[in-house]
Amino acid sequence: MRLRGGIEFMESIFVYMTAADDAEAEKIGRALVEARLAACVNMIPGMRAVYWWQGKVESGGETVLIAKTRRSLLDALTAKVRQLHSYQVPCVVALPIAGGNPDFLNWLEKETIS
C-alpha cells in the first residue's frame, strides 16, 4: 500500500497486452472486467508489430489492450489472459502508476476485487 494525501491506496498498475485482432481483444478485455480483475480495459486497434518468432522475423497487425488494475491482481489477470489468448506467448507486462487523479484511482480500487 502507498500513501497519497494521507490516505492509503492499493498499488495501481497499467497492464499492457496485445491481441491478434479486435475480436480477441474484446473477448479478453470483457473477461477481465467481468471477473473484476481490471476496472477498465482500453482496446486500441491498428497496431503493427515486427518481431522474432521461431527463428525468423515476422510482422503483422495486432490490437493493443491496456488494463487498469491493482498490482495484487496481476497474477490472476495474467492467468486469465493466458487461458483466453491465441498466442503461445502472449504479451502481458505491468507498468506502475506513479500518481494521478485521486477520484480515478479510488474508482479503480472500488471496481476491482480485493
N, C-alpha and C. Protein backbone atom coordinates (compact mmCIF):
# COMPACT_ATOMS: atom_id res chain seq x y z
N MET A 1 0.84 -1.19 0.00
CA MET A 1 0.00 0.00 0.00
C MET A 1 0.88 1.24 0.00
N ARG A 2 0.37 2.29 -0.62
CA ARG A 2 1.07 3.57 -0.66
C ARG A 2 0.16 4.65 -0.09
N LEU A 3 0.78 5.70 0.40
CA LEU A 3 0.01 6.84 0.90
C LEU A 3 -0.07 7.92 -0.17
N ARG A 4 -1.26 8.44 -0.39
CA ARG A 4 -1.48 9.59 -1.26
C ARG A 4 -2.33 10.58 -0.49
N GLY A 5 -1.79 11.72 -0.22
CA GLY A 5 -2.54 12.73 0.52
C GLY A 5 -2.99 12.25 1.88
N GLY A 6 -2.17 11.40 2.52
CA GLY A 6 -2.51 10.90 3.85
C GLY A 6 -3.48 9.72 3.84
N ILE A 7 -3.90 9.26 2.65
CA ILE A 7 -4.85 8.15 2.54
C ILE A 7 -4.12 6.95 1.95
N GLU A 8 -4.37 5.76 2.50
CA GLU A 8 -3.73 4.55 1.97
C GLU A 8 -4.45 4.09 0.71
N PHE A 9 -3.67 3.75 -0.34
CA PHE A 9 -4.20 3.23 -1.59
C PHE A 9 -3.49 1.93 -1.92
N MET A 10 -4.19 1.03 -2.56
CA MET A 10 -3.56 -0.16 -3.12
C MET A 10 -2.67 0.32 -4.27
N GLU A 11 -1.68 -0.49 -4.64
CA GLU A 11 -0.81 -0.10 -5.74
C GLU A 11 -1.52 -0.33 -7.07
N SER A 12 -1.78 0.74 -7.78
CA SER A 12 -2.45 0.69 -9.08
C SER A 12 -1.42 0.49 -10.18
N ILE A 13 -1.80 -0.28 -11.21
CA ILE A 13 -0.90 -0.53 -12.33
C ILE A 13 -1.68 -0.48 -13.64
N PHE A 14 -0.94 -0.24 -14.73
CA PHE A 14 -1.43 -0.47 -16.08
C PHE A 14 -0.85 -1.80 -16.52
N VAL A 15 -1.63 -2.59 -17.22
CA VAL A 15 -1.11 -3.83 -17.80
C VAL A 15 -1.25 -3.70 -19.31
N TYR A 16 -0.10 -3.71 -20.00
CA TYR A 16 -0.04 -3.60 -21.45
C TYR A 16 -0.08 -5.01 -22.03
N MET A 17 -0.97 -5.21 -22.99
CA MET A 17 -1.12 -6.51 -23.64
C MET A 17 -1.36 -6.29 -25.12
N THR A 18 -1.16 -7.32 -25.91
CA THR A 18 -1.54 -7.28 -27.31
C THR A 18 -2.38 -8.51 -27.62
N ALA A 19 -3.25 -8.38 -28.62
CA ALA A 19 -4.10 -9.48 -29.07
C ALA A 19 -3.99 -9.59 -30.59
N ALA A 20 -4.33 -10.74 -31.12
CA ALA A 20 -4.22 -11.00 -32.55
C ALA A 20 -5.12 -10.09 -33.38
N ASP A 21 -6.28 -9.73 -32.83
CA ASP A 21 -7.24 -8.90 -33.58
C ASP A 21 -8.24 -8.28 -32.61
N ASP A 22 -9.14 -7.48 -33.16
CA ASP A 22 -10.12 -6.78 -32.32
C ASP A 22 -11.05 -7.74 -31.59
N ALA A 23 -11.45 -8.82 -32.24
CA ALA A 23 -12.38 -9.78 -31.62
C ALA A 23 -11.72 -10.45 -30.40
N GLU A 24 -10.46 -10.85 -30.55
CA GLU A 24 -9.77 -11.46 -29.41
C GLU A 24 -9.58 -10.44 -28.29
N ALA A 25 -9.24 -9.20 -28.64
CA ALA A 25 -9.07 -8.15 -27.64
C ALA A 25 -10.37 -7.92 -26.88
N GLU A 26 -11.49 -7.88 -27.59
CA GLU A 26 -12.79 -7.69 -26.94
C GLU A 26 -13.09 -8.84 -25.99
N LYS A 27 -12.82 -10.07 -26.42
CA LYS A 27 -13.07 -11.25 -25.59
C LYS A 27 -12.23 -11.18 -24.31
N ILE A 28 -10.97 -10.86 -24.45
CA ILE A 28 -10.07 -10.79 -23.28
C ILE A 28 -10.45 -9.62 -22.39
N GLY A 29 -10.63 -8.44 -22.97
CA GLY A 29 -10.98 -7.25 -22.18
C GLY A 29 -12.27 -7.44 -21.41
N ARG A 30 -13.28 -7.96 -22.06
CA ARG A 30 -14.58 -8.19 -21.39
C ARG A 30 -14.43 -9.19 -20.25
N ALA A 31 -13.68 -10.27 -20.48
CA ALA A 31 -13.50 -11.28 -19.44
C ALA A 31 -12.78 -10.71 -18.22
N LEU A 32 -11.78 -9.87 -18.45
CA LEU A 32 -11.04 -9.27 -17.33
C LEU A 32 -11.92 -8.34 -16.51
N VAL A 33 -12.73 -7.54 -17.18
CA VAL A 33 -13.61 -6.61 -16.48
C VAL A 33 -14.73 -7.37 -15.76
N GLU A 34 -15.35 -8.35 -16.45
CA GLU A 34 -16.42 -9.11 -15.82
C GLU A 34 -15.94 -9.87 -14.58
N ALA A 35 -14.70 -10.35 -14.60
CA ALA A 35 -14.13 -11.05 -13.44
C ALA A 35 -13.61 -10.07 -12.38
N ARG A 36 -13.72 -8.78 -12.67
CA ARG A 36 -13.25 -7.71 -11.78
C ARG A 36 -11.74 -7.78 -11.54
N LEU A 37 -11.03 -8.34 -12.53
CA LEU A 37 -9.57 -8.34 -12.49
C LEU A 37 -9.01 -7.03 -13.03
N ALA A 38 -9.84 -6.25 -13.69
CA ALA A 38 -9.50 -4.91 -14.18
C ALA A 38 -10.73 -4.03 -14.06
N ALA A 39 -10.53 -2.77 -13.72
CA ALA A 39 -11.64 -1.83 -13.66
C ALA A 39 -12.04 -1.39 -15.06
N CYS A 40 -11.07 -1.38 -15.98
CA CYS A 40 -11.28 -0.91 -17.34
C CYS A 40 -10.19 -1.50 -18.22
N VAL A 41 -10.54 -1.80 -19.46
CA VAL A 41 -9.55 -2.22 -20.45
C VAL A 41 -9.78 -1.40 -21.72
N ASN A 42 -8.76 -0.64 -22.11
CA ASN A 42 -8.81 0.09 -23.37
C ASN A 42 -8.31 -0.82 -24.47
N MET A 43 -8.94 -0.74 -25.64
CA MET A 43 -8.53 -1.53 -26.80
C MET A 43 -8.21 -0.57 -27.93
N ILE A 44 -7.01 -0.67 -28.44
CA ILE A 44 -6.52 0.25 -29.48
C ILE A 44 -6.19 -0.59 -30.72
N PRO A 45 -7.04 -0.55 -31.73
CA PRO A 45 -6.80 -1.35 -32.93
C PRO A 45 -5.75 -0.73 -33.84
N GLY A 46 -5.27 -1.53 -34.78
CA GLY A 46 -4.43 -1.00 -35.84
C GLY A 46 -2.95 -0.94 -35.56
N MET A 47 -2.48 -1.59 -34.50
CA MET A 47 -1.04 -1.58 -34.24
C MET A 47 -0.36 -2.57 -35.18
N ARG A 48 0.83 -2.23 -35.65
CA ARG A 48 1.65 -3.14 -36.45
C ARG A 48 2.85 -3.55 -35.62
N ALA A 49 3.27 -4.80 -35.76
CA ALA A 49 4.40 -5.31 -34.99
C ALA A 49 5.38 -6.03 -35.93
N VAL A 50 6.66 -5.88 -35.63
CA VAL A 50 7.73 -6.66 -36.26
C VAL A 50 8.44 -7.35 -35.11
N TYR A 51 8.64 -8.66 -35.21
CA TYR A 51 9.15 -9.42 -34.07
C TYR A 51 9.82 -10.72 -34.53
N TRP A 52 10.66 -11.24 -33.66
CA TRP A 52 11.26 -12.56 -33.87
C TRP A 52 10.29 -13.62 -33.39
N TRP A 53 10.07 -14.66 -34.20
CA TRP A 53 9.28 -15.80 -33.76
C TRP A 53 9.81 -17.06 -34.44
N GLN A 54 10.21 -18.01 -33.63
CA GLN A 54 10.69 -19.30 -34.10
C GLN A 54 11.80 -19.16 -35.14
N GLY A 55 12.76 -18.28 -34.83
CA GLY A 55 13.97 -18.15 -35.63
C GLY A 55 13.88 -17.26 -36.84
N LYS A 56 12.76 -16.57 -37.04
CA LYS A 56 12.68 -15.66 -38.18
C LYS A 56 11.90 -14.40 -37.83
N VAL A 57 12.12 -13.36 -38.63
CA VAL A 57 11.43 -12.10 -38.43
C VAL A 57 10.04 -12.19 -39.06
N GLU A 58 9.04 -11.85 -38.25
CA GLU A 58 7.64 -11.86 -38.68
C GLU A 58 7.08 -10.44 -38.55
N SER A 59 5.95 -10.19 -39.14
CA SER A 59 5.24 -8.93 -38.95
C SER A 59 3.75 -9.18 -39.08
N GLY A 60 2.99 -8.31 -38.48
CA GLY A 60 1.54 -8.46 -38.56
C GLY A 60 0.82 -7.41 -37.76
N GLY A 61 -0.48 -7.41 -37.89
CA GLY A 61 -1.33 -6.48 -37.16
C GLY A 61 -1.75 -7.05 -35.82
N GLU A 62 -1.95 -6.17 -34.86
CA GLU A 62 -2.42 -6.55 -33.54
C GLU A 62 -3.32 -5.45 -32.99
N THR A 63 -3.99 -5.77 -31.91
CA THR A 63 -4.75 -4.79 -31.14
C THR A 63 -4.11 -4.68 -29.77
N VAL A 64 -3.86 -3.46 -29.32
CA VAL A 64 -3.28 -3.21 -28.01
C VAL A 64 -4.40 -3.17 -26.97
N LEU A 65 -4.14 -3.76 -25.81
CA LEU A 65 -5.03 -3.65 -24.66
C LEU A 65 -4.25 -3.02 -23.52
N ILE A 66 -4.90 -2.12 -22.80
CA ILE A 66 -4.31 -1.53 -21.60
C ILE A 66 -5.35 -1.66 -20.48
N ALA A 67 -5.00 -2.48 -19.50
CA ALA A 67 -5.90 -2.71 -18.37
C ALA A 67 -5.48 -1.84 -17.19
N LYS A 68 -6.45 -1.31 -16.48
CA LYS A 68 -6.19 -0.58 -15.24
C LYS A 68 -6.62 -1.48 -14.10
N THR A 69 -5.68 -1.79 -13.19
CA THR A 69 -5.96 -2.75 -12.14
C THR A 69 -5.06 -2.53 -10.94
N ARG A 70 -5.07 -3.48 -10.02
CA ARG A 70 -4.23 -3.46 -8.83
C ARG A 70 -3.06 -4.42 -9.02
N ARG A 71 -1.95 -4.11 -8.45
CA ARG A 71 -0.77 -4.99 -8.51
C ARG A 71 -1.08 -6.38 -7.95
N SER A 72 -1.90 -6.43 -6.92
CA SER A 72 -2.24 -7.71 -6.28
C SER A 72 -3.03 -8.64 -7.19
N LEU A 73 -3.59 -8.13 -8.27
CA LEU A 73 -4.39 -8.94 -9.19
C LEU A 73 -3.62 -9.38 -10.43
N LEU A 74 -2.34 -8.97 -10.54
CA LEU A 74 -1.58 -9.24 -11.77
C LEU A 74 -1.46 -10.73 -12.08
N ASP A 75 -1.18 -11.57 -11.10
CA ASP A 75 -1.03 -13.00 -11.38
C ASP A 75 -2.33 -13.60 -11.90
N ALA A 76 -3.45 -13.27 -11.27
CA ALA A 76 -4.75 -13.79 -11.71
C ALA A 76 -5.11 -13.25 -13.09
N LEU A 77 -4.84 -11.98 -13.34
CA LEU A 77 -5.10 -11.37 -14.64
C LEU A 77 -4.26 -12.07 -15.72
N THR A 78 -2.99 -12.29 -15.44
CA THR A 78 -2.11 -12.95 -16.40
C THR A 78 -2.60 -14.36 -16.71
N ALA A 79 -3.01 -15.09 -15.69
CA ALA A 79 -3.52 -16.45 -15.89
C ALA A 79 -4.76 -16.44 -16.77
N LYS A 80 -5.66 -15.48 -16.56
CA LYS A 80 -6.88 -15.38 -17.37
C LYS A 80 -6.53 -15.06 -18.82
N VAL A 81 -5.60 -14.14 -19.04
CA VAL A 81 -5.19 -13.81 -20.41
C VAL A 81 -4.59 -15.03 -21.08
N ARG A 82 -3.73 -15.74 -20.41
CA ARG A 82 -3.10 -16.94 -20.98
C ARG A 82 -4.14 -18.00 -21.34
N GLN A 83 -5.18 -18.10 -20.53
CA GLN A 83 -6.26 -19.06 -20.78
C GLN A 83 -7.04 -18.71 -22.05
N LEU A 84 -7.26 -17.42 -22.30
CA LEU A 84 -8.12 -16.97 -23.40
C LEU A 84 -7.37 -16.65 -24.69
N HIS A 85 -6.08 -16.45 -24.62
CA HIS A 85 -5.29 -15.90 -25.73
C HIS A 85 -4.92 -16.96 -26.76
N SER A 86 -4.86 -16.56 -28.02
CA SER A 86 -4.48 -17.49 -29.09
C SER A 86 -2.97 -17.65 -29.23
N TYR A 87 -2.18 -16.73 -28.68
CA TYR A 87 -0.72 -16.80 -28.80
C TYR A 87 -0.15 -17.81 -27.81
N GLN A 88 0.95 -18.47 -28.20
CA GLN A 88 1.66 -19.34 -27.27
C GLN A 88 2.32 -18.53 -26.16
N VAL A 89 2.77 -17.32 -26.51
CA VAL A 89 3.49 -16.46 -25.57
C VAL A 89 2.87 -15.05 -25.63
N PRO A 90 1.71 -14.86 -25.00
CA PRO A 90 1.09 -13.53 -25.07
C PRO A 90 1.88 -12.47 -24.29
N CYS A 91 1.87 -11.27 -24.82
CA CYS A 91 2.49 -10.13 -24.14
C CYS A 91 1.57 -9.67 -23.01
N VAL A 92 2.06 -9.74 -21.79
CA VAL A 92 1.36 -9.21 -20.61
C VAL A 92 2.44 -8.61 -19.73
N VAL A 93 2.54 -7.28 -19.69
CA VAL A 93 3.55 -6.62 -18.86
C VAL A 93 2.90 -5.51 -18.04
N ALA A 94 3.36 -5.37 -16.81
CA ALA A 94 2.78 -4.39 -15.89
C ALA A 94 3.67 -3.16 -15.77
N LEU A 95 3.02 -2.01 -15.69
CA LEU A 95 3.69 -0.73 -15.51
C LEU A 95 3.07 -0.02 -14.31
N PRO A 96 3.89 0.51 -13.40
CA PRO A 96 3.34 1.19 -12.22
C PRO A 96 2.68 2.50 -12.59
N ILE A 97 1.68 2.86 -11.83
CA ILE A 97 1.05 4.18 -11.93
C ILE A 97 1.63 5.01 -10.78
N ALA A 98 2.38 6.04 -11.11
CA ALA A 98 3.08 6.84 -10.11
C ALA A 98 2.16 7.83 -9.40
N GLY A 99 1.05 8.17 -10.01
CA GLY A 99 0.13 9.14 -9.42
C GLY A 99 -0.97 9.44 -10.41
N GLY A 100 -1.84 10.36 -10.05
CA GLY A 100 -2.93 10.73 -10.95
C GLY A 100 -4.11 11.28 -10.19
N ASN A 101 -5.23 11.32 -10.87
CA ASN A 101 -6.46 11.83 -10.31
C ASN A 101 -6.92 10.90 -9.18
N PRO A 102 -6.95 11.40 -7.94
CA PRO A 102 -7.35 10.55 -6.81
C PRO A 102 -8.73 9.93 -7.00
N ASP A 103 -9.67 10.67 -7.60
CA ASP A 103 -11.01 10.13 -7.83
C ASP A 103 -10.95 8.92 -8.76
N PHE A 104 -10.12 9.00 -9.81
CA PHE A 104 -9.96 7.87 -10.72
C PHE A 104 -9.33 6.69 -10.01
N LEU A 105 -8.28 6.93 -9.23
CA LEU A 105 -7.60 5.85 -8.52
C LEU A 105 -8.52 5.20 -7.49
N ASN A 106 -9.36 5.99 -6.83
CA ASN A 106 -10.37 5.43 -5.91
C ASN A 106 -11.35 4.55 -6.66
N TRP A 107 -11.81 5.02 -7.83
CA TRP A 107 -12.73 4.24 -8.66
C TRP A 107 -12.10 2.92 -9.08
N LEU A 108 -10.82 2.97 -9.49
CA LEU A 108 -10.12 1.76 -9.90
C LEU A 108 -10.13 0.73 -8.76
N GLU A 109 -9.82 1.17 -7.57
CA GLU A 109 -9.83 0.25 -6.42
C GLU A 109 -11.22 -0.30 -6.15
N LYS A 110 -12.22 0.57 -6.24
CA LYS A 110 -13.59 0.15 -5.93
C LYS A 110 -14.10 -0.88 -6.92
N GLU A 111 -13.68 -0.80 -8.18
CA GLU A 111 -14.23 -1.67 -9.22
C GLU A 111 -13.44 -2.94 -9.47
N THR A 112 -12.40 -3.19 -8.68
CA THR A 112 -11.65 -4.43 -8.80
C THR A 112 -11.78 -5.22 -7.51
N ILE A 113 -11.60 -6.53 -7.62
CA ILE A 113 -11.71 -7.36 -6.41
C ILE A 113 -10.49 -7.14 -5.53
N SER A 114 -10.67 -7.30 -4.25
CA SER A 114 -9.54 -7.10 -3.33
C SER A 114 -9.03 -8.41 -2.80
